[in-house]
Amino acid sequence: MANADGQHKGMDDHFLLPATPVATLEQYVERGGVRGVTRAQELGPEGTITEVEASGLRGRGGAGFPTGRKWRGVAAQSGTDRYVVCNGAEGEPGTFKDRALMRANPYQLVEGVVIAAFALGAVEAFICVKASFEREYDAIIRAVEEFQKAGVCTDCTVTIVRGPEEYLFGEEKAMLEVIEGRAPLPRLLPPFEHGLFATAPQTGWEAVELEPGHTGRHDSNPTLVNNAETLSNVPRILDRGAAWFRTHGTDRSPGHVVATVVGDVVRPGVAEVELGTPLSAVLADVGGGVALGRQVKAVFSGVANPVITAASLDVPLSYEGLQAVGSGMGSAGFIVYDDTACMVEVARQFSRFLWVESCGQCAPCKLGSEEITALLDRLEAGVSDGHDVAEIKGWLTRVTDGNRCFLAVEEQHVVGSILQAFADEVDEHIRLGTCPRPRPLTFPKIVDMVGGSVVYDERQHLKQPDWTYAPSGQADPGQRPRLPER
């Protein structure tokens, strides 16, 4: 297991987080870098896609979709131009793995992008990071420039895009909007159907001129969007081979994953873990476990999946393992809460985050998450009754109506699972008329992780649903005034 601070246990430099950061292309080549590009050129585009398919690599951005199948699907789409987009706009609460990768070895990421562009015949590739990721941006720029000077990707245009802080910048359809110079508002159609710089209508019919270079049928430009960690795996798969990659992890979840562990743990951390490792071991090894005398109450893989309770902590860290206990891998960012945490407050904070970050294009999502947050405010304040719980559950059935992206589903998964798993705590709030566990909780949106300490976004509680910020020092704008009893 190797971590972002350079600690290293039984792992060679071909894995994702090297023992020491790779500072130059020369160092990367000495450690076996660029051999993946060479192998891809030997195999050709079709052979490269076949090798990635055979490896069983699954997307590390959250969905876990088979990477090779995604590449083949994009390659099979009609259209004049193809594009590759690397999603490095990490914004999932509790997650720091992409930034750790870009800091430790930006060269493997750039090599993965180059290989993907070659395999799909892309006319251009984009690497997207948030404007606030200055250290990561500098590392990627350096790596791209060194690749170009070395002649590794002279025929491949790689553009670095610095985007906004919003959570939805990391949503693949919204990311294409940002690349094209607009706000991160998710499109209707996925990138493989309606890709970058396409003039074809998304829905219905409208009179538009054909895109230059198109004749006859008006096609869109199929676009591949892969997570930064996903693409960072590709060079070693091409170098070592699919069979080698499958010797690690499980049959359905091959390889390693970069896991983040934060929250009520002794030592927040980010480290590389072999898939199939028990979650309890990951929490202990990467995060140091909870404080002496405390017990794990709940674990969340970001805000995208249902809660993992204490009864399921020995589940294998794999896509199929976490699915079997009713949750999911997400981006392997684990937020831990011990037995002193109020789960109603956790639900309120998660719901408020999703309400604020919702773009508002789908009314049930924006309005529904707002109402759910308001009702959770009442519960946490101790001025609620069973009618509020019933209303929350009602909204959870409707919040996903017409959703363009997964955000509303996250609201449904997270809040719904807390209400079910911790129904006794909800009842306590109603019965006692107060929160029985009033410990303040910090929302785990990570700004930085260094040396076993984590810095959270101190402004997130000031963010408002129109994506502006309330004046510093103002109370949580999502925490409404204490409401009177009905």
Protein backbone atom coordinates (compact mmCIF):
# COMPACT_ATOMS: atom_id res chain seq x y z
CA MET A 1 0.00 0.00 0.00
CA ALA A 2 1.51 3.34 -1.05
CA ASN A 3 0.21 6.71 0.01
CA ALA A 4 0.43 10.25 -1.27
CA ASP A 5 3.02 11.19 1.36
CA GLY A 6 5.49 8.66 -0.05
CA GLN A 7 5.05 5.76 2.38
CA HIS A 8 5.46 2.56 0.43
CA LYS A 9 4.74 -1.08 1.19
CA GLY A 10 5.48 -3.88 -1.22
CA MET A 11 4.51 -2.08 -4.41
CA ASP A 12 6.54 -1.33 -7.52
CA ASP A 13 6.66 1.96 -9.37
CA HIS A 14 4.19 0.78 -12.00
CA PHE A 15 1.34 1.28 -9.57
CA LEU A 16 -0.54 4.52 -9.34
CA LEU A 17 1.07 6.25 -6.36
CA PRO A 18 4.86 5.88 -6.54
CA ALA A 19 7.09 5.78 -3.47
CA THR A 20 8.38 9.25 -4.36
CA PRO A 21 6.74 11.79 -6.68
CA VAL A 22 7.82 11.73 -10.32
CA ALA A 23 9.20 15.20 -11.04
CA THR A 24 10.42 14.89 -14.65
CA LEU A 25 9.71 12.94 -17.80
CA GLU A 26 13.22 11.52 -17.54
CA GLN A 27 12.38 10.02 -14.15
CA TYR A 28 9.14 8.65 -15.55
CA VAL A 29 10.91 6.96 -18.43
CA GLU A 30 13.47 5.46 -16.04
CA ARG A 31 10.56 3.87 -14.15
CA GLY A 32 9.08 2.36 -17.30
CA GLY A 33 6.98 5.27 -18.47
CA VAL A 34 6.01 5.82 -22.14
CA ARG A 35 6.21 2.08 -22.85
CA GLY A 36 2.40 2.08 -22.85
CA VAL A 37 2.31 4.48 -25.80
CA THR A 38 4.84 2.36 -27.67
CA ARG A 39 2.80 -0.78 -27.08
CA ALA A 40 -0.40 0.95 -28.19
CA GLN A 41 1.26 1.97 -31.45
CA GLU A 42 2.33 -1.64 -31.99
CA LEU A 43 -1.19 -2.95 -31.35
CA GLY A 44 -2.98 -0.24 -33.33
CA PRO A 45 -6.27 1.42 -32.30
CA GLU A 46 -8.39 -1.73 -32.44
CA GLY A 47 -5.80 -3.83 -30.59
CA THR A 48 -5.40 -1.13 -27.94
CA ILE A 49 -9.14 -1.05 -27.25
CA THR A 50 -9.20 -4.86 -27.11
CA GLU A 51 -6.39 -4.89 -24.54
CA VAL A 52 -8.14 -2.35 -22.33
CA GLU A 53 -11.34 -4.40 -22.64
CA ALA A 54 -9.54 -7.59 -21.66
CA SER A 55 -8.06 -5.94 -18.56
CA GLY A 56 -11.49 -5.49 -16.99
CA LEU A 57 -10.60 -1.93 -15.92
CA ARG A 58 -13.67 -0.13 -14.63
CA GLY A 59 -14.20 3.63 -14.45
CA ARG A 60 -12.89 5.14 -11.24
CA GLY A 61 -15.08 8.25 -11.35
CA GLY A 62 -18.03 6.64 -9.60
CA ALA A 63 -20.12 4.59 -12.00
CA GLY A 64 -17.62 1.75 -12.46
CA PHE A 65 -18.55 1.27 -16.13
CA PRO A 66 -16.13 -1.05 -18.03
CA THR A 67 -13.56 1.26 -19.62
CA GLY A 68 -12.85 -0.81 -22.71
CA ARG A 69 -16.55 -1.14 -23.47
CA LYS A 70 -16.90 2.64 -23.18
CA TRP A 71 -14.00 3.18 -25.59
CA ARG A 72 -15.46 0.73 -28.08
CA GLY A 73 -18.86 2.37 -27.87
CA VAL A 74 -17.40 5.78 -28.68
CA ALA A 75 -15.29 4.32 -31.51
CA ALA A 76 -18.40 2.70 -33.02
CA GLN A 77 -20.42 5.94 -33.14
CA SER A 78 -20.78 7.75 -36.44
CA GLY A 79 -19.40 11.24 -36.71
CA THR A 80 -16.60 13.13 -38.39
CA ASP A 81 -14.53 14.09 -35.34
CA ARG A 82 -13.84 12.42 -32.00
CA TYR A 83 -12.56 13.94 -28.77
CA VAL A 84 -11.14 12.66 -25.49
CA VAL A 85 -11.82 14.40 -22.18
CA CYS A 86 -10.02 13.62 -18.92
CA ASN A 87 -12.18 14.48 -15.92
CA GLY A 88 -9.89 15.80 -13.18
CA ALA A 89 -12.46 18.21 -11.70
CA GLU A 90 -12.63 16.33 -8.44
CA GLY A 91 -15.45 17.68 -6.25
CA GLU A 92 -16.98 14.67 -4.54
CA PRO A 93 -17.01 15.23 -0.77
CA GLY A 94 -14.53 13.00 1.05
CA THR A 95 -12.38 12.47 -2.05
CA PHE A 96 -8.81 13.51 -2.84
CA LYS A 97 -7.53 10.70 -5.05
CA ASP A 98 -7.28 12.49 -8.40
CA ARG A 99 -5.34 15.38 -6.90
CA ALA A 100 -3.02 12.90 -5.16
CA LEU A 101 -2.40 11.18 -8.50
CA MET A 102 -1.70 14.41 -10.37
CA ARG A 103 0.73 15.49 -7.68
CA ALA A 104 2.54 12.16 -7.45
CA ASN A 105 2.81 11.33 -11.15
CA PRO A 106 1.15 13.59 -13.73
CA TYR A 107 3.04 11.80 -16.52
CA GLN A 108 1.07 8.57 -16.27
CA LEU A 109 -2.15 10.58 -16.56
CA VAL A 110 -0.94 12.40 -19.68
CA GLU A 111 0.28 9.13 -21.17
CA GLY A 112 -3.15 7.61 -20.55
CA VAL A 113 -4.78 10.55 -22.32
CA VAL A 114 -2.42 10.17 -25.28
CA ILE A 115 -3.17 6.44 -25.53
CA ALA A 116 -6.94 7.04 -25.41
CA ALA A 117 -6.68 9.73 -28.09
CA PHE A 118 -4.68 7.36 -30.30
CA ALA A 119 -7.11 4.47 -29.81
CA LEU A 120 -10.13 6.59 -30.75
CA GLY A 121 -8.46 8.69 -33.45
CA ALA A 122 -9.33 11.85 -31.52
CA VAL A 123 -8.57 15.21 -33.11
CA GLU A 124 -8.00 16.79 -29.70
CA ALA A 125 -7.86 15.86 -26.03
CA PHE A 126 -8.80 17.96 -23.01
CA ILE A 127 -7.72 17.62 -19.38
CA CYS A 128 -10.14 19.42 -17.06
CA VAL A 129 -9.26 20.59 -13.55
CA LYS A 130 -10.76 23.17 -11.24
CA ALA A 131 -9.14 26.60 -11.32
CA SER A 132 -8.44 26.21 -7.60
CA PHE A 133 -6.22 23.16 -8.29
CA GLU A 134 -3.13 25.29 -8.90
CA ARG A 135 -0.56 22.69 -7.88
CA GLU A 136 -2.22 20.02 -10.02
CA TYR A 137 -2.59 22.38 -12.97
CA ASP A 138 1.11 23.23 -12.89
CA ALA A 139 2.04 19.54 -12.74
CA ILE A 140 -0.14 18.63 -15.73
CA ILE A 141 1.11 21.58 -17.79
CA ARG A 142 4.68 20.54 -17.06
CA ALA A 143 4.01 16.94 -18.07
CA VAL A 144 2.28 17.88 -21.33
CA GLU A 145 5.06 20.26 -22.31
CA GLU A 146 7.75 17.67 -21.60
CA PHE A 147 5.85 15.04 -23.62
CA GLN A 148 5.61 17.43 -26.55
CA LYS A 149 9.28 18.44 -26.37
CA ALA A 150 10.25 14.76 -26.29
CA GLY A 151 8.15 14.09 -29.39
CA VAL A 152 5.83 11.66 -27.60
CA CYS A 153 2.60 13.43 -28.61
CA THR A 154 3.57 15.93 -31.28
CA ASP A 155 0.55 14.93 -33.38
CA CYS A 156 -1.87 15.01 -30.42
CA THR A 157 -3.26 18.35 -29.26
CA VAL A 158 -3.82 18.35 -25.50
CA THR A 159 -5.63 21.34 -23.99
CA ILE A 160 -5.83 22.02 -20.25
CA VAL A 161 -9.16 23.51 -19.14
CA ARG A 162 -9.51 25.28 -15.81
CA GLY A 163 -13.12 25.32 -14.71
CA PRO A 164 -15.38 26.55 -11.89
CA GLU A 165 -15.63 25.24 -8.34
CA GLU A 166 -19.16 23.90 -8.75
CA TYR A 167 -19.82 20.24 -8.02
CA LEU A 168 -21.50 19.76 -11.39
CA PHE A 169 -18.32 20.68 -13.26
CA GLY A 170 -17.38 17.06 -12.58
CA GLU A 171 -20.52 15.75 -14.31
CA GLU A 172 -19.50 14.61 -17.79
CA LYS A 173 -22.26 16.37 -19.74
CA ALA A 174 -21.75 19.58 -17.78
CA MET A 175 -17.99 19.33 -18.35
CA LEU A 176 -18.49 19.51 -22.11
CA GLU A 177 -20.44 22.72 -21.60
CA VAL A 178 -17.53 24.21 -19.64
CA ILE A 179 -15.03 23.22 -22.34
CA GLU A 180 -17.21 25.09 -24.83
CA GLY A 181 -17.19 28.18 -22.62
CA ARG A 182 -20.51 27.89 -20.81
CA ALA A 183 -21.71 27.23 -17.25
CA PRO A 184 -21.66 23.65 -15.89
CA LEU A 185 -25.28 22.80 -16.71
CA PRO A 186 -25.69 19.14 -17.72
CA ARG A 187 -26.88 18.47 -21.24
CA LEU A 188 -29.67 16.05 -22.07
CA LEU A 189 -27.64 13.57 -24.12
CA PRO A 190 -24.46 11.72 -23.10
CA PRO A 191 -21.09 12.61 -24.68
CA PHE A 192 -20.94 9.56 -26.93
CA GLU A 193 -24.19 10.73 -28.57
CA HIS A 194 -23.78 14.50 -28.44
CA GLY A 195 -20.12 15.36 -28.02
CA LEU A 196 -17.95 18.43 -28.15
CA PHE A 197 -18.54 21.24 -30.63
CA ALA A 198 -21.51 19.49 -32.20
CA THR A 199 -24.09 21.57 -34.01
CA ALA A 200 -26.65 18.77 -34.34
CA PRO A 201 -29.77 19.41 -32.25
CA GLN A 202 -30.06 17.51 -28.97
CA THR A 203 -33.83 17.15 -29.08
CA GLY A 204 -36.59 17.74 -31.60
CA TRP A 205 -35.56 19.51 -34.79
CA GLU A 206 -34.08 22.88 -35.53
CA ALA A 207 -32.54 24.39 -38.64
CA VAL A 208 -28.78 24.60 -38.23
CA GLU A 209 -25.91 24.50 -40.66
CA LEU A 210 -23.84 21.37 -40.91
CA GLU A 211 -20.63 21.36 -38.95
CA PRO A 212 -17.63 21.99 -41.22
CA GLY A 213 -16.41 18.69 -42.62
CA HIS A 214 -19.79 16.98 -42.38
CA THR A 215 -21.65 15.94 -45.49
CA GLY A 216 -25.00 14.23 -45.74
CA ARG A 217 -26.25 13.07 -42.36
CA HIS A 218 -25.85 15.61 -39.56
CA ASP A 219 -23.85 13.69 -36.96
CA SER A 220 -22.54 14.80 -33.60
CA ASN A 221 -18.93 14.32 -32.49
CA PRO A 222 -18.57 11.21 -30.29
CA THR A 223 -16.62 12.17 -27.18
CA LEU A 224 -15.00 9.97 -24.56
CA VAL A 225 -14.99 11.23 -20.97
CA ASN A 226 -12.87 9.24 -18.50
CA ASN A 227 -11.85 9.98 -14.94
CA ALA A 228 -8.23 10.94 -14.20
CA GLU A 229 -7.59 7.76 -12.20
CA THR A 230 -9.12 5.60 -14.93
CA LEU A 231 -6.75 7.01 -17.54
CA SER A 232 -3.79 6.77 -15.14
CA ASN A 233 -4.29 2.99 -15.12
CA VAL A 234 -4.09 2.65 -18.90
CA PRO A 235 -0.28 3.00 -19.44
CA ARG A 236 0.59 0.11 -17.13
CA ILE A 237 -2.13 -2.06 -18.64
CA LEU A 238 -0.65 -1.52 -22.10
CA ASP A 239 2.90 -2.00 -20.80
CA ARG A 240 2.36 -5.06 -18.59
CA GLY A 241 -0.66 -6.51 -20.34
CA ALA A 242 -4.27 -7.21 -19.45
CA ALA A 243 -3.46 -10.59 -17.90
CA TRP A 244 -1.00 -8.96 -15.48
CA PHE A 245 -3.57 -6.34 -14.48
CA ARG A 246 -6.07 -9.09 -13.69
CA THR A 247 -3.67 -10.72 -11.21
CA HIS A 248 -4.61 -7.90 -8.82
CA GLY A 249 -8.01 -7.24 -7.28
CA THR A 250 -11.03 -9.45 -7.91
CA ASP A 251 -12.47 -11.02 -11.02
CA ARG A 252 -15.15 -8.34 -11.41
CA SER A 253 -13.04 -5.53 -9.93
CA PRO A 254 -9.46 -5.98 -11.17
CA GLY A 255 -6.56 -3.77 -10.15
CA HIS A 256 -6.04 -1.19 -7.45
CA VAL A 257 -7.95 1.88 -6.39
CA VAL A 258 -6.80 5.11 -4.72
CA ALA A 259 -8.91 5.44 -1.57
CA THR A 260 -9.46 8.50 0.60
CA VAL A 261 -10.50 8.16 4.25
CA VAL A 262 -11.62 11.23 6.24
CA GLY A 263 -14.08 12.21 8.95
CA ASP A 264 -13.97 10.77 12.45
CA VAL A 265 -10.62 9.01 11.97
CA VAL A 266 -7.28 9.36 13.69
CA ARG A 267 -5.25 10.16 10.58
CA PRO A 268 -7.06 11.25 7.41
CA GLY A 269 -5.27 9.83 4.40
CA VAL A 270 -5.24 8.83 0.75
CA ALA A 271 -3.53 5.64 -0.39
CA GLU A 272 -3.52 2.97 -3.04
CA VAL A 273 -5.38 -0.21 -2.12
CA GLU A 274 -5.84 -3.53 -3.88
CA LEU A 275 -9.48 -4.08 -4.75
CA GLY A 276 -11.01 -6.83 -2.64
CA THR A 277 -9.38 -5.60 0.58
CA PRO A 278 -11.90 -5.53 3.46
CA LEU A 279 -13.28 -2.04 4.00
CA SER A 280 -12.45 -2.26 7.71
CA ALA A 281 -8.78 -2.77 6.82
CA VAL A 282 -8.87 0.23 4.46
CA LEU A 283 -10.33 2.45 7.17
CA ALA A 284 -7.66 1.28 9.62
CA ASP A 285 -4.67 1.36 7.28
CA VAL A 286 -5.44 4.53 5.35
CA GLY A 287 -7.26 6.54 8.03
CA GLY A 288 -5.92 5.07 11.25
CA GLY A 289 -9.39 4.01 12.37
CA VAL A 290 -11.56 5.91 14.85
CA ALA A 291 -10.38 7.26 18.20
CA LEU A 292 -9.81 4.93 21.14
CA GLY A 293 -13.09 4.09 22.82
CA ARG A 294 -15.20 5.09 19.83
CA GLN A 295 -17.01 2.87 17.33
CA VAL A 296 -17.72 3.36 13.63
CA LYS A 297 -21.39 4.20 13.18
CA ALA A 298 -21.60 4.96 9.47
CA VAL A 299 -19.45 5.23 6.36
CA PHE A 300 -20.36 7.05 3.14
CA SER A 301 -18.62 6.74 -0.22
CA GLY A 302 -18.92 10.43 -0.94
CA VAL A 303 -22.50 11.65 -1.26
CA ALA A 304 -23.35 9.34 -4.16
CA ASN A 305 -24.38 6.08 -2.49
CA PRO A 306 -26.46 4.73 0.41
CA VAL A 307 -24.87 4.55 3.87
CA ILE A 308 -22.64 1.63 4.87
CA THR A 309 -23.44 0.68 8.46
CA ALA A 310 -21.20 -0.83 11.12
CA ALA A 311 -22.58 -4.30 10.37
CA SER A 312 -21.05 -4.22 6.86
CA LEU A 313 -17.53 -2.95 7.56
CA ASP A 314 -15.85 -6.21 6.57
CA VAL A 315 -17.30 -6.02 3.06
CA PRO A 316 -14.65 -6.37 0.31
CA LEU A 317 -13.73 -3.04 -1.25
CA SER A 318 -14.98 -3.89 -4.73
CA TYR A 319 -17.81 -2.85 -7.00
CA GLU A 320 -19.65 -6.11 -6.45
CA GLY A 321 -18.89 -6.19 -2.72
CA LEU A 322 -20.29 -2.77 -1.93
CA GLN A 323 -23.24 -3.36 -4.22
CA ALA A 324 -24.04 -6.53 -2.25
CA VAL A 325 -24.50 -4.49 0.96
CA GLY A 326 -26.71 -1.97 -0.77
CA SER A 327 -24.15 0.75 -1.40
CA GLY A 328 -21.50 1.49 -4.02
CA MET A 329 -17.84 2.27 -4.61
CA GLY A 330 -18.32 5.84 -5.77
CA SER A 331 -14.88 7.40 -6.20
CA ALA A 332 -13.53 5.46 -3.19
CA GLY A 333 -13.68 8.50 -0.94
CA PHE A 334 -14.90 7.28 2.45
CA ILE A 335 -16.40 9.62 5.05
CA VAL A 336 -16.43 8.00 8.49
CA TYR A 337 -18.73 8.95 11.38
CA ASP A 338 -18.29 7.52 14.87
CA ASP A 339 -20.93 6.83 17.52
CA THR A 340 -20.99 10.46 18.71
CA ALA A 341 -22.26 11.79 15.36
CA CYS A 342 -25.90 12.75 14.79
CA MET A 343 -27.11 11.05 11.64
CA VAL A 344 -29.97 13.51 11.20
CA GLU A 345 -27.38 16.30 11.02
CA VAL A 346 -25.36 14.23 8.53
CA ALA A 347 -28.47 13.84 6.37
CA ARG A 348 -29.16 17.59 6.64
CA GLN A 349 -25.64 18.55 5.61
CA PHE A 350 -25.58 16.13 2.68
CA SER A 351 -29.01 17.25 1.51
CA ARG A 352 -28.07 20.90 1.78
CA PHE A 353 -24.91 20.33 -0.27
CA LEU A 354 -26.88 18.66 -3.04
CA TRP A 355 -29.61 21.32 -2.97
CA VAL A 356 -27.07 24.15 -3.22
CA GLU A 357 -25.07 22.42 -5.98
CA SER A 358 -28.14 21.47 -8.04
CA CYS A 359 -28.19 23.53 -11.24
CA GLY A 360 -31.96 24.10 -11.26
CA GLN A 361 -32.62 22.84 -14.80
CA CYS A 362 -34.77 20.03 -13.41
CA ALA A 363 -37.36 21.56 -11.07
CA PRO A 364 -38.08 18.39 -9.03
CA CYS A 365 -34.37 18.15 -8.17
CA LYS A 366 -33.87 21.76 -7.08
CA LEU A 367 -37.22 22.23 -5.37
CA GLY A 368 -37.33 18.74 -3.95
CA SER A 369 -33.86 18.85 -2.41
CA GLU A 370 -34.71 22.28 -0.98
CA GLU A 371 -37.86 20.95 0.67
CA ILE A 372 -36.06 17.88 1.98
CA THR A 373 -33.36 20.10 3.47
CA ALA A 374 -35.97 22.35 5.11
CA LEU A 375 -37.71 19.35 6.66
CA LEU A 376 -34.40 17.96 7.92
CA ASP A 377 -33.77 21.40 9.45
CA ARG A 378 -36.95 20.92 11.44
CA LEU A 379 -35.93 17.43 12.53
CA GLU A 380 -32.50 18.55 13.66
CA ALA A 381 -34.00 21.53 15.50
CA GLY A 382 -36.33 19.23 17.43
CA VAL A 383 -39.51 20.97 16.24
CA SER A 384 -40.72 18.21 13.96
CA ASP A 385 -43.15 15.34 14.05
CA GLY A 386 -43.92 12.24 12.03
CA HIS A 387 -45.62 14.28 9.32
CA ASP A 388 -42.27 15.81 8.34
CA VAL A 389 -40.70 12.37 7.95
CA ALA A 390 -43.57 11.29 5.73
CA GLU A 391 -43.12 14.45 3.65
CA ILE A 392 -39.40 13.77 3.23
CA LYS A 393 -40.13 10.25 2.05
CA GLY A 394 -42.72 11.60 -0.36
CA TRP A 395 -40.27 14.09 -1.83
CA LEU A 396 -37.64 11.36 -2.19
CA THR A 397 -39.94 9.50 -4.58
CA ARG A 398 -40.33 12.59 -6.79
CA VAL A 399 -36.97 14.37 -6.61
CA THR A 400 -35.59 12.35 -9.53
CA ASP A 401 -38.43 13.14 -11.94
CA GLY A 402 -36.91 14.22 -15.24
CA ASN A 403 -33.34 14.36 -13.89
CA ARG A 404 -30.57 15.11 -16.40
CA CYS A 405 -27.80 13.92 -14.11
CA PHE A 406 -27.24 11.71 -11.05
CA LEU A 407 -27.43 14.45 -8.41
CA ALA A 408 -31.10 13.89 -7.57
CA VAL A 409 -30.49 10.15 -7.30
CA GLU A 410 -27.73 10.92 -4.79
CA GLU A 411 -30.26 12.85 -2.69
CA GLN A 412 -32.57 9.87 -2.86
CA HIS A 413 -29.85 7.34 -1.98
CA VAL A 414 -28.17 9.19 0.87
CA VAL A 415 -31.13 10.71 2.69
CA GLY A 416 -33.37 7.70 2.13
CA SER A 417 -30.77 5.26 3.43
CA ILE A 418 -30.14 7.34 6.58
CA LEU A 419 -33.85 7.54 7.37
CA GLN A 420 -34.09 3.78 7.03
CA ALA A 421 -30.87 2.73 8.76
CA PHE A 422 -31.15 5.25 11.62
CA ALA A 423 -34.90 5.47 12.10
CA ASP A 424 -34.36 5.29 15.87
CA GLU A 425 -32.35 8.54 15.81
CA VAL A 426 -35.06 10.25 13.79
CA ASP A 427 -37.61 9.11 16.39
CA GLU A 428 -35.35 10.42 19.18
CA HIS A 429 -35.36 13.91 17.70
CA ILE A 430 -39.15 13.89 17.49
CA ARG A 431 -39.66 12.38 20.95
CA LEU A 432 -37.09 14.51 22.82
CA GLY A 433 -37.68 17.76 20.95
CA THR A 434 -33.93 18.31 20.66
CA CYS A 435 -30.84 16.76 19.12
CA PRO A 436 -29.45 14.12 21.50
CA ARG A 437 -26.02 14.29 19.83
CA PRO A 438 -25.34 18.00 19.25
CA ARG A 439 -21.64 17.69 18.33
CA PRO A 440 -20.78 20.11 15.48
CA LEU A 441 -19.90 18.35 12.22
CA THR A 442 -17.73 19.77 9.46
CA PHE A 443 -18.89 19.09 5.92
CA PRO A 444 -16.10 17.01 4.31
CA LYS A 445 -15.43 18.87 1.07
CA ILE A 446 -11.65 18.63 0.82
CA VAL A 447 -9.42 21.54 -0.19
CA ASP A 448 -6.08 19.88 0.61
CA MET A 449 -4.51 16.85 2.28
CA VAL A 450 -0.91 16.95 3.49
CA GLY A 451 0.98 14.82 5.99
CA GLY A 452 -2.00 13.14 7.63
CA SER A 453 -4.06 16.31 8.01
CA VAL A 454 -6.98 17.51 5.94
CA VAL A 455 -8.19 21.02 5.10
CA TYR A 456 -11.91 21.34 4.45
CA ASP A 457 -13.67 24.06 2.47
CA GLU A 458 -14.53 26.69 5.07
CA ARG A 459 -16.81 28.51 2.62
CA GLN A 460 -19.11 25.64 1.69
CA HIS A 461 -21.60 26.47 4.45
CA LEU A 462 -21.85 30.00 2.99
CA LYS A 463 -22.66 28.81 -0.52
CA GLN A 464 -26.18 29.64 -1.65
CA PRO A 465 -28.46 27.83 -4.12
CA ASP A 466 -27.69 30.35 -6.89
CA TRP A 467 -23.97 29.43 -6.52
CA THR A 468 -23.06 32.74 -4.92
CA TYR A 469 -21.71 33.03 -1.37
CA ALA A 470 -23.27 34.72 1.62
CA PRO A 471 -21.08 37.25 3.50
CA SER A 472 -18.43 35.65 5.66
CA GLY A 473 -19.61 34.99 9.19
CA GLN A 474 -23.26 34.63 8.25
CA ALA A 475 -25.03 31.57 9.60
CA ASP A 476 -25.50 28.57 7.35
CA PRO A 477 -28.02 29.88 4.79
CA GLY A 478 -29.45 26.39 4.53
CA GLN A 479 -30.15 26.32 8.26
CA ARG A 480 -33.43 28.17 8.45
CA PRO A 481 -34.57 29.91 11.64
CA ARG A 482 -35.86 27.46 14.21
CA LEU A 483 -39.43 26.83 13.18
CA PRO A 484 -42.39 26.65 15.54
CA GLU A 485 -44.07 23.36 16.16
CA ARG A 486 -47.07 22.59 13.98
